[in-house]
Amino acid sequence: MSKKNNPTKKTSLILFDLDGTLLDSHKRISDRNMEAIAECRRHDIIIGVATARNEATCSRFTDIIKPELVISNSGALVRVNGRVIYQRGFTAVETAALIGAGLAQRRGITVDCADVTFSNRHIPFFNEPGMEYTDFSGFSLDSFKVCIEGTETEFAKRTAALVENCSWLAFSDCEWFKFSKAGVSKGDALRHVVKHTGIPTEEMIAFGDDFLDIEMLDICGTGIAMSNSPEEVKLHADITIGNNDSDAIADFLYGCVL
């Protein structure tokens, strides 16, 4: 674990997780946070979004932010200036195996595909544009990630074992598991960004709040956790700021970057 006490001296790229970080509890971005992001761009700082959402369900936010970098599907798809530089996911057969494990126990399931997220339940947390509802019968599409409702780690382990090179992780803000190809993460996505752009991680700042953000917070020159983060996430951050219902991100950017 990297523990640095001071913000990065030079900032070339700033990354924002969405839910629980840049988005408030009502799924909005405050005007002041948006103004701070715009000011960073005027200082020639590249703006990035790193989210567990797929491109469709985060588009209403990326259309506003207009980030040069988008890491979506928890790191399974990476775009720089609109161009795909990396993608990795499950085949249709692998996707069906994971879905089958969830259906066998009548659990909620979401499947992130190229331009839509499929779900078998109307869940307020996932009720977003870009969602389609299905019972998954006969489902046969490749996917970037699969999420299944649950809290039992043994269930997650058994399910991941159905697919070769599959990893799982629990979300901190809801009782669901994420299943991705092994090695897929926001942190791994950043390694591909470094190769493509030449920007060193030391010149990156990342804001996050969830277990899925830990590797990203570790890798970036300055990792910043929101105060609504679990304690384990805060331990991997260099700085903890206010919660996502405040303008803490703007306060940090104006005070330490701009």
C-alpha atoms as a PDB file:
ATOM      1  CA  MET A   1       0.000   0.000   0.000  1.00  0.00           C
ATOM      2  CA  SER A   2       1.369   3.405  -0.968  1.00  0.00           C
ATOM      3  CA  LYS A   3       0.975   6.124   1.634  1.00  0.00           C
ATOM      4  CA  LYS A   4       1.935   9.606   0.506  1.00  0.00           C
ATOM      5  CA  ASN A   5       1.267  12.612   2.680  1.00  0.00           C
ATOM      6  CA  ASN A   6       1.153  15.402   0.116  1.00  0.00           C
ATOM      7  CA  PRO A   7      -0.950  15.916  -3.019  1.00  0.00           C
ATOM      8  CA  THR A   8       0.794  15.430  -6.339  1.00  0.00           C
ATOM      9  CA  LYS A   9       2.959  18.460  -7.247  1.00  0.00           C
ATOM     10  CA  LYS A  10       2.094  18.248 -10.930  1.00  0.00           C
ATOM     11  CA  THR A  11      -1.358  17.128 -11.990  1.00  0.00           C
ATOM     12  CA  SER A  12      -1.960  15.955 -15.560  1.00  0.00           C
ATOM     13  CA  LEU A  13      -5.053  13.772 -15.067  1.00  0.00           C
ATOM     14  CA  ILE A  14      -7.886  13.734 -12.534  1.00  0.00           C
ATOM     15  CA  LEU A  15     -10.177  10.698 -12.259  1.00  0.00           C
ATOM     16  CA  PHE A  16     -13.618  10.668 -10.673  1.00  0.00           C
ATOM     17  CA  ASP A  17     -15.672   7.681  -9.620  1.00  0.00           C
ATOM     18  CA  LEU A  18     -19.355   8.512 -10.073  1.00  0.00           C
ATOM     19  CA  ASP A  19     -21.745   6.881  -7.567  1.00  0.00           C
ATOM     20  CA  GLY A  20     -20.912   7.831  -3.997  1.00  0.00           C
ATOM     21  CA  THR A  21     -18.155  10.185  -5.144  1.00  0.00           C
ATOM     22  CA  LEU A  22     -18.912  12.810  -7.791  1.00  0.00           C
ATOM     23  CA  LEU A  23     -22.659  12.044  -7.721  1.00  0.00           C
ATOM     24  CA  ASP A  24     -24.614  13.053  -4.640  1.00  0.00           C
ATOM     25  CA  SER A  25     -27.307  10.905  -3.053  1.00  0.00           C
ATOM     26  CA  HIS A  26     -29.817  12.133  -5.640  1.00  0.00           C
ATOM     27  CA  LYS A  27     -27.499  11.179  -8.544  1.00  0.00           C
ATOM     28  CA  ARG A  28     -26.627  14.782  -9.358  1.00  0.00           C
ATOM     29  CA  ILE A  29     -23.355  16.694  -9.742  1.00  0.00           C
ATOM     30  CA  SER A  30     -23.259  19.956  -7.824  1.00  0.00           C
ATOM     31  CA  ASP A  31     -22.743  23.201  -9.733  1.00  0.00           C
ATOM     32  CA  ARG A  32     -19.630  24.011  -7.709  1.00  0.00           C
ATOM     33  CA  ASN A  33     -18.036  20.644  -8.406  1.00  0.00           C
ATOM     34  CA  MET A  34     -18.775  21.109 -12.110  1.00  0.00           C
ATOM     35  CA  GLU A  35     -17.241  24.594 -12.034  1.00  0.00           C
ATOM     36  CA  ALA A  36     -14.082  23.203 -10.401  1.00  0.00           C
ATOM     37  CA  ILE A  37     -13.820  20.487 -13.048  1.00  0.00           C
ATOM     38  CA  ALA A  38     -14.174  23.104 -15.798  1.00  0.00           C
ATOM     39  CA  GLU A  39     -11.452  25.192 -14.173  1.00  0.00           C
ATOM     40  CA  CYS A  40      -9.136  22.162 -14.063  1.00  0.00           C
ATOM     41  CA  ARG A  41      -9.673  21.673 -17.785  1.00  0.00           C
ATOM     42  CA  ARG A  42      -8.809  25.341 -18.387  1.00  0.00           C
ATOM     43  CA  HIS A  43      -5.502  24.550 -16.667  1.00  0.00           C
ATOM     44  CA  ASP A  44      -4.872  21.812 -19.259  1.00  0.00           C
ATOM     45  CA  ILE A  45      -5.660  18.982 -16.841  1.00  0.00           C
ATOM     46  CA  ILE A  46      -7.235  15.930 -18.462  1.00  0.00           C
ATOM     47  CA  ILE A  47     -10.544  14.873 -16.907  1.00  0.00           C
ATOM     48  CA  GLY A  48     -11.452  11.214 -16.539  1.00  0.00           C
ATOM     49  CA  VAL A  49     -14.350   9.151 -15.213  1.00  0.00           C
ATOM     50  CA  ALA A  50     -13.791   5.688 -13.724  1.00  0.00           C
ATOM     51  CA  THR A  51     -17.050   3.925 -12.952  1.00  0.00           C
ATOM     52  CA  ALA A  52     -18.624   0.518 -12.424  1.00  0.00           C
ATOM     53  CA  ARG A  53     -21.451   1.635 -14.722  1.00  0.00           C
ATOM     54  CA  ASN A  54     -21.544   0.760 -18.380  1.00  0.00           C
ATOM     55  CA  GLU A  55     -21.345   3.455 -21.052  1.00  0.00           C
ATOM     56  CA  ALA A  56     -25.119   3.688 -21.468  1.00  0.00           C
ATOM     57  CA  THR A  57     -25.990   4.179 -17.810  1.00  0.00           C
ATOM     58  CA  CYS A  58     -23.239   6.743 -17.248  1.00  0.00           C
ATOM     59  CA  SER A  59     -23.838   8.663 -20.492  1.00  0.00           C
ATOM     60  CA  ARG A  60     -26.151  11.253 -18.930  1.00  0.00           C
ATOM     61  CA  PHE A  61     -23.232  12.244 -16.701  1.00  0.00           C
ATOM     62  CA  THR A  62     -20.413  11.916 -19.228  1.00  0.00           C
ATOM     63  CA  ASP A  63     -22.462  14.023 -21.647  1.00  0.00           C
ATOM     64  CA  ILE A  64     -22.256  16.813 -19.051  1.00  0.00           C
ATOM     65  CA  ILE A  65     -18.665  16.293 -17.879  1.00  0.00           C
ATOM     66  CA  LYS A  66     -17.315  15.487 -21.368  1.00  0.00           C
ATOM     67  CA  PRO A  67     -14.290  13.566 -20.020  1.00  0.00           C
ATOM     68  CA  GLU A  68     -11.372  12.828 -22.296  1.00  0.00           C
ATOM     69  CA  LEU A  69     -10.974   9.463 -20.545  1.00  0.00           C
ATOM     70  CA  VAL A  70     -13.772   7.042 -19.629  1.00  0.00           C
ATOM     71  CA  ILE A  71     -13.093   3.832 -17.716  1.00  0.00           C
ATOM     72  CA  SER A  72     -16.396   1.956 -17.546  1.00  0.00           C
ATOM     73  CA  ASN A  73     -17.677  -1.468 -16.518  1.00  0.00           C
ATOM     74  CA  SER A  74     -15.266  -1.455 -13.535  1.00  0.00           C
ATOM     75  CA  GLY A  75     -12.273  -1.288 -15.882  1.00  0.00           C
ATOM     76  CA  ALA A  76     -13.376  -3.704 -18.616  1.00  0.00           C
ATOM     77  CA  LEU A  77     -13.698  -0.937 -21.225  1.00  0.00           C
ATOM     78  CA  VAL A  78     -11.436   2.098 -21.638  1.00  0.00           C
ATOM     79  CA  ARG A  79     -11.865   4.985 -24.058  1.00  0.00           C
ATOM     80  CA  VAL A  80      -9.474   7.875 -24.612  1.00  0.00           C
ATOM     81  CA  ASN A  81     -10.929  10.748 -26.641  1.00  0.00           C
ATOM     82  CA  GLY A  82     -13.701   8.427 -27.785  1.00  0.00           C
ATOM     83  CA  ARG A  83     -11.392   5.682 -29.017  1.00  0.00           C
ATOM     84  CA  VAL A  84     -11.413   2.237 -27.397  1.00  0.00           C
ATOM     85  CA  ILE A  85      -7.888   1.424 -26.205  1.00  0.00           C
ATOM     86  CA  TYR A  86      -8.733  -1.640 -24.102  1.00  0.00           C
ATOM     87  CA  GLN A  87     -11.614  -4.036 -23.519  1.00  0.00           C
ATOM     88  CA  ARG A  88     -11.981  -7.428 -21.881  1.00  0.00           C
ATOM     89  CA  GLY A  89     -15.042  -9.389 -20.858  1.00  0.00           C
ATOM     90  CA  PHE A  90     -16.968 -12.651 -20.817  1.00  0.00           C
ATOM     91  CA  THR A  91     -18.055 -14.710 -23.804  1.00  0.00           C
ATOM     92  CA  ALA A  92     -21.757 -15.436 -24.236  1.00  0.00           C
ATOM     93  CA  VAL A  93     -21.214 -18.944 -22.822  1.00  0.00           C
ATOM     94  CA  GLU A  94     -19.397 -17.598 -19.755  1.00  0.00           C
ATOM     95  CA  THR A  95     -22.062 -14.947 -19.252  1.00  0.00           C
ATOM     96  CA  ALA A  96     -24.800 -17.593 -19.397  1.00  0.00           C
ATOM     97  CA  ALA A  97     -23.023 -19.693 -16.757  1.00  0.00           C
ATOM     98  CA  LEU A  98     -22.931 -16.777 -14.317  1.00  0.00           C
ATOM     99  CA  ILE A  99     -26.544 -15.858 -15.030  1.00  0.00           C
ATOM    100  CA  GLY A 100     -27.540 -19.465 -14.420  1.00  0.00           C
ATOM    101  CA  ALA A 101     -26.009 -19.395 -10.943  1.00  0.00           C
ATOM    102  CA  GLY A 102     -28.075 -16.353 -10.039  1.00  0.00           C
ATOM    103  CA  LEU A 103     -31.288 -17.650 -11.559  1.00  0.00           C
ATOM    104  CA  ALA A 104     -30.925 -20.965  -9.722  1.00  0.00           C
ATOM    105  CA  GLN A 105     -31.291 -19.081  -6.441  1.00  0.00           C
ATOM    106  CA  ARG A 106     -33.802 -16.513  -7.738  1.00  0.00           C
ATOM    107  CA  ARG A 107     -31.428 -13.615  -7.230  1.00  0.00           C
ATOM    108  CA  GLY A 108     -31.300 -10.205  -8.807  1.00  0.00           C
ATOM    109  CA  ILE A 109     -28.907 -10.090 -11.774  1.00  0.00           C
ATOM    110  CA  THR A 110     -27.509  -7.323 -13.943  1.00  0.00           C
ATOM    111  CA  VAL A 111     -25.413  -7.883 -17.062  1.00  0.00           C
ATOM    112  CA  ASP A 112     -23.360  -5.114 -18.677  1.00  0.00           C
ATOM    113  CA  CYS A 113     -23.163  -5.493 -22.440  1.00  0.00           C
ATOM    114  CA  ALA A 114     -21.746  -3.150 -25.056  1.00  0.00           C
ATOM    115  CA  ASP A 115     -24.474  -0.514 -25.016  1.00  0.00           C
ATOM    116  CA  VAL A 116     -27.051  -1.656 -22.460  1.00  0.00           C
ATOM    117  CA  THR A 117     -27.312  -3.129 -18.973  1.00  0.00           C
ATOM    118  CA  PHE A 118     -29.843  -5.942 -18.625  1.00  0.00           C
ATOM    119  CA  SER A 119     -31.586  -6.675 -15.331  1.00  0.00           C
ATOM    120  CA  ASN A 120     -34.210  -9.137 -14.119  1.00  0.00           C
ATOM    121  CA  ARG A 121     -35.452  -6.803 -11.389  1.00  0.00           C
ATOM    122  CA  HIS A 122     -36.701  -3.227 -11.166  1.00  0.00           C
ATOM    123  CA  ILE A 123     -34.222  -2.040  -8.571  1.00  0.00           C
ATOM    124  CA  PRO A 124     -34.266   1.689  -7.663  1.00  0.00           C
ATOM    125  CA  PHE A 125     -30.464   1.799  -7.382  1.00  0.00           C
ATOM    126  CA  PHE A 126     -30.123   0.523 -10.963  1.00  0.00           C
ATOM    127  CA  ASN A 127     -33.169   2.284 -12.413  1.00  0.00           C
ATOM    128  CA  GLU A 128     -31.305   4.305 -15.020  1.00  0.00           C
ATOM    129  CA  PRO A 129     -31.574   5.187 -18.707  1.00  0.00           C
ATOM    130  CA  GLY A 130     -29.725   2.476 -20.612  1.00  0.00           C
ATOM    131  CA  MET A 131     -31.355  -0.334 -18.591  1.00  0.00           C
ATOM    132  CA  GLU A 132     -33.459  -3.086 -20.142  1.00  0.00           C
ATOM    133  CA  TYR A 133     -35.434  -5.658 -18.184  1.00  0.00           C
ATOM    134  CA  THR A 134     -35.478  -9.350 -19.049  1.00  0.00           C
ATOM    135  CA  ASP A 135     -35.996 -12.753 -17.443  1.00  0.00           C
ATOM    136  CA  PHE A 136     -32.692 -13.840 -19.100  1.00  0.00           C
ATOM    137  CA  SER A 137     -34.266 -16.855 -20.771  1.00  0.00           C
ATOM    138  CA  GLY A 138     -32.223 -17.771 -23.814  1.00  0.00           C
ATOM    139  CA  PHE A 139     -29.816 -14.916 -23.111  1.00  0.00           C
ATOM    140  CA  SER A 140     -26.808 -15.208 -25.414  1.00  0.00           C
ATOM    141  CA  LEU A 141     -24.615 -12.104 -25.490  1.00  0.00           C
ATOM    142  CA  ASP A 142     -21.030 -11.332 -24.582  1.00  0.00           C
ATOM    143  CA  SER A 143     -20.694  -9.094 -21.538  1.00  0.00           C
ATOM    144  CA  PHE A 144     -18.202  -6.908 -19.718  1.00  0.00           C
ATOM    145  CA  LYS A 145     -19.370  -7.814 -16.225  1.00  0.00           C
ATOM    146  CA  VAL A 146     -22.136  -9.590 -14.341  1.00  0.00           C
ATOM    147  CA  CYS A 147     -23.529  -8.549 -10.959  1.00  0.00           C
ATOM    148  CA  ILE A 148     -25.542 -10.857  -8.736  1.00  0.00           C
ATOM    149  CA  GLU A 149     -27.431 -10.026  -5.572  1.00  0.00           C
ATOM    150  CA  GLY A 150     -26.025 -11.541  -2.380  1.00  0.00           C
ATOM    151  CA  THR A 151     -23.765 -11.239   0.645  1.00  0.00           C
ATOM    152  CA  GLU A 152     -22.436 -14.798   1.120  1.00  0.00           C
ATOM    153  CA  THR A 153     -18.797 -15.086   0.096  1.00  0.00           C
ATOM    154  CA  GLU A 154     -19.130 -18.840  -0.454  1.00  0.00           C
ATOM    155  CA  PHE A 155     -21.806 -18.211  -3.070  1.00  0.00           C
ATOM    156  CA  ALA A 156     -19.516 -15.695  -4.802  1.00  0.00           C
ATOM    157  CA  LYS A 157     -16.605 -18.151  -4.776  1.00  0.00           C
ATOM    158  CA  ARG A 158     -18.712 -21.011  -6.179  1.00  0.00           C
ATOM    159  CA  THR A 159     -20.135 -18.776  -8.889  1.00  0.00           C
ATOM    160  CA  ALA A 160     -16.747 -17.398  -9.956  1.00  0.00           C
ATOM    161  CA  ALA A 161     -15.424 -20.956 -10.172  1.00  0.00           C
ATOM    162  CA  LEU A 162     -17.921 -21.691 -12.957  1.00  0.00           C
ATOM    163  CA  VAL A 163     -15.917 -19.521 -15.356  1.00  0.00           C
ATOM    164  CA  GLU A 164     -12.210 -19.703 -16.104  1.00  0.00           C
ATOM    165  CA  ASN A 165     -10.219 -16.672 -14.964  1.00  0.00           C
ATOM    166  CA  CYS A 166     -13.162 -15.061 -13.182  1.00  0.00           C
ATOM    167  CA  SER A 167     -12.836 -12.793 -10.156  1.00  0.00           C
ATOM    168  CA  TRP A 168     -15.439 -11.368  -7.807  1.00  0.00           C
ATOM    169  CA  LEU A 169     -15.743  -8.411  -5.471  1.00  0.00           C
ATOM    170  CA  ALA A 170     -18.469  -7.144  -3.147  1.00  0.00           C
ATOM    171  CA  PHE A 171     -19.873  -3.647  -3.433  1.00  0.00           C
ATOM    172  CA  SER A 172     -19.741  -1.541  -0.278  1.00  0.00           C
ATOM    173  CA  ASP A 173     -22.994   0.356  -0.808  1.00  0.00           C
ATOM    174  CA  CYS A 174     -25.341  -2.485  -1.782  1.00  0.00           C
ATOM    175  CA  GLU A 175     -25.638  -6.225  -1.178  1.00  0.00           C
ATOM    176  CA  TRP A 176     -24.364  -7.348  -4.574  1.00  0.00           C
ATOM    177  CA  PHE A 177     -21.293  -9.050  -6.020  1.00  0.00           C
ATOM    178  CA  LYS A 178     -19.459  -8.030  -9.190  1.00  0.00           C
ATOM    179  CA  PHE A 179     -17.987 -10.726 -11.439  1.00  0.00           C
ATOM    180  CA  SER A 180     -15.341  -9.781 -14.014  1.00  0.00           C
ATOM    181  CA  LYS A 181     -12.515 -11.430 -15.861  1.00  0.00           C
ATOM    182  CA  ALA A 182      -9.531 -11.868 -13.517  1.00  0.00           C
ATOM    183  CA  GLY A 183      -7.280  -8.831 -13.565  1.00  0.00           C
ATOM    184  CA  VAL A 184      -9.972  -6.442 -14.773  1.00  0.00           C
ATOM    185  CA  SER A 185     -10.127  -3.418 -12.486  1.00  0.00           C
ATOM    186  CA  LYS A 186      -9.961   0.349 -12.540  1.00  0.00           C
ATOM    187  CA  GLY A 187      -6.326   0.080 -11.516  1.00  0.00           C
ATOM    188  CA  ASP A 188      -5.504  -2.267 -14.375  1.00  0.00           C
ATOM    189  CA  ALA A 189      -7.320   0.081 -16.759  1.00  0.00           C
ATOM    190  CA  LEU A 190      -4.992   2.878 -15.663  1.00  0.00           C
ATOM    191  CA  ARG A 191      -1.976   0.810 -16.689  1.00  0.00           C
ATOM    192  CA  HIS A 192      -3.359   0.765 -20.222  1.00  0.00           C
ATOM    193  CA  VAL A 193      -3.993   4.516 -20.010  1.00  0.00           C
ATOM    194  CA  VAL A 194      -0.347   5.057 -19.052  1.00  0.00           C
ATOM    195  CA  LYS A 195       0.823   3.002 -22.038  1.00  0.00           C
ATOM    196  CA  HIS A 196      -1.465   4.893 -24.403  1.00  0.00           C
ATOM    197  CA  THR A 197      -0.979   8.460 -23.152  1.00  0.00           C
ATOM    198  CA  GLY A 198       2.461   8.383 -21.537  1.00  0.00           C
ATOM    199  CA  ILE A 199       1.085  10.160 -18.458  1.00  0.00           C
ATOM    200  CA  PRO A 200       2.792   8.742 -15.348  1.00  0.00           C
ATOM    201  CA  THR A 201       0.587   7.661 -12.475  1.00  0.00           C
ATOM    202  CA  GLU A 202       2.469  10.095 -10.228  1.00  0.00           C
ATOM    203  CA  GLU A 203       0.723  12.910 -12.100  1.00  0.00           C
ATOM    204  CA  MET A 204      -2.751  11.466 -11.537  1.00  0.00           C
ATOM    205  CA  ILE A 205      -5.301  12.233  -8.829  1.00  0.00           C
ATOM    206  CA  ALA A 206      -8.187   9.818  -8.213  1.00  0.00           C
ATOM    207  CA  PHE A 207     -11.370  10.286  -6.172  1.00  0.00           C
ATOM    208  CA  GLY A 208     -13.317   7.201  -5.017  1.00  0.00           C
ATOM    209  CA  ASP A 209     -15.479   5.682  -2.301  1.00  0.00           C
ATOM    210  CA  ASP A 210     -15.864   1.943  -2.878  1.00  0.00           C
ATOM    211  CA  PHE A 211     -13.880  -1.296  -2.722  1.00  0.00           C
ATOM    212  CA  LEU A 212     -13.709  -1.193  -6.515  1.00  0.00           C
ATOM    213  CA  ASP A 213     -11.708   2.056  -6.219  1.00  0.00           C
ATOM    214  CA  ILE A 214      -8.958   0.755  -3.915  1.00  0.00           C
ATOM    215  CA  GLU A 215      -6.432  -0.246  -6.577  1.00  0.00           C
ATOM    216  CA  MET A 216      -6.995   3.040  -8.416  1.00  0.00           C
ATOM    217  CA  LEU A 217      -6.403   5.017  -5.219  1.00  0.00           C
ATOM    218  CA  ASP A 218      -3.209   3.033  -4.579  1.00  0.00           C
ATOM    219  CA  ILE A 219      -1.821   3.512  -8.076  1.00  0.00           C
ATOM    220  CA  CYS A 220      -2.446   7.229  -8.567  1.00  0.00           C
ATOM    221  CA  GLY A 221      -0.023   9.837  -7.253  1.00  0.00           C
ATOM    222  CA  THR A 222      -2.766  11.070  -4.931  1.00  0.00           C
ATOM    223  CA  GLY A 223      -5.688   8.854  -3.931  1.00  0.00           C
ATOM    224  CA  ILE A 224      -8.622  10.626  -2.294  1.00  0.00           C
ATOM    225  CA  ALA A 225     -11.448   8.888  -0.446  1.00  0.00           C
ATOM    226  CA  MET A 226     -14.802  10.414   0.367  1.00  0.00           C
ATOM    227  CA  SER A 227     -15.808  10.427   4.036  1.00  0.00           C
ATOM    228  CA  ASN A 228     -18.759   8.148   3.155  1.00  0.00           C
ATOM    229  CA  SER A 229     -16.251   5.447   2.121  1.00  0.00           C
ATOM    230  CA  PRO A 230     -15.786   2.256   4.162  1.00  0.00           C
ATOM    231  CA  GLU A 231     -12.805   2.428   6.520  1.00  0.00           C
ATOM    232  CA  GLU A 232     -10.878  -0.092   4.401  1.00  0.00           C
ATOM    233  CA  VAL A 233     -11.073   2.264   1.414  1.00  0.00           C
ATOM    234  CA  LYS A 234      -9.892   5.217   3.510  1.00  0.00           C
ATOM    235  CA  LEU A 235      -6.833   3.215   4.571  1.00  0.00           C
ATOM    236  CA  HIS A 236      -5.737   3.080   0.932  1.00  0.00           C
ATOM    237  CA  ALA A 237      -6.220   6.802   0.381  1.00  0.00           C
ATOM    238  CA  ASP A 238      -3.710   9.583   0.964  1.00  0.00           C
ATOM    239  CA  ILE A 239      -6.453  12.003   1.953  1.00  0.00           C
ATOM    240  CA  THR A 240     -10.061  11.691   3.102  1.00  0.00           C
ATOM    241  CA  ILE A 241     -12.318  14.630   2.305  1.00  0.00           C
ATOM    242  CA  GLY A 242     -16.020  15.363   2.929  1.00  0.00           C
ATOM    243  CA  ASN A 243     -18.923  13.255   1.731  1.00  0.00           C
ATOM    244  CA  ASN A 244     -20.488  13.086  -1.709  1.00  0.00           C
ATOM    245  CA  ASP A 245     -23.391  15.310  -0.637  1.00  0.00           C
ATOM    246  CA  SER A 246     -21.006  18.226  -0.114  1.00  0.00           C
ATOM    247  CA  ASP A 247     -18.732  20.265  -2.376  1.00  0.00           C
ATOM    248  CA  ALA A 248     -15.680  18.554  -0.887  1.00  0.00           C
ATOM    249  CA  ILE A 249     -14.273  17.698  -4.313  1.00  0.00           C
ATOM    250  CA  ALA A 250     -14.423  21.344  -5.397  1.00  0.00           C
ATOM    251  CA  ASP A 251     -12.887  22.441  -2.073  1.00  0.00           C
ATOM    252  CA  PHE A 252      -9.954  20.095  -2.647  1.00  0.00           C
ATOM    253  CA  LEU A 253      -9.441  21.085  -6.277  1.00  0.00           C
ATOM    254  CA  TYR A 254      -9.513  24.800  -5.547  1.00  0.00           C
ATOM    255  CA  GLY A 255      -7.368  24.446  -2.431  1.00  0.00           C
ATOM    256  CA  CYS A 256      -4.738  21.952  -3.581  1.00  0.00           C
ATOM    257  CA  VAL A 257      -4.688  21.788  -7.381  1.00  0.00           C
ATOM    258  CA  LEU A 258      -5.791  25.094  -8.909  1.00  0.00           C
END
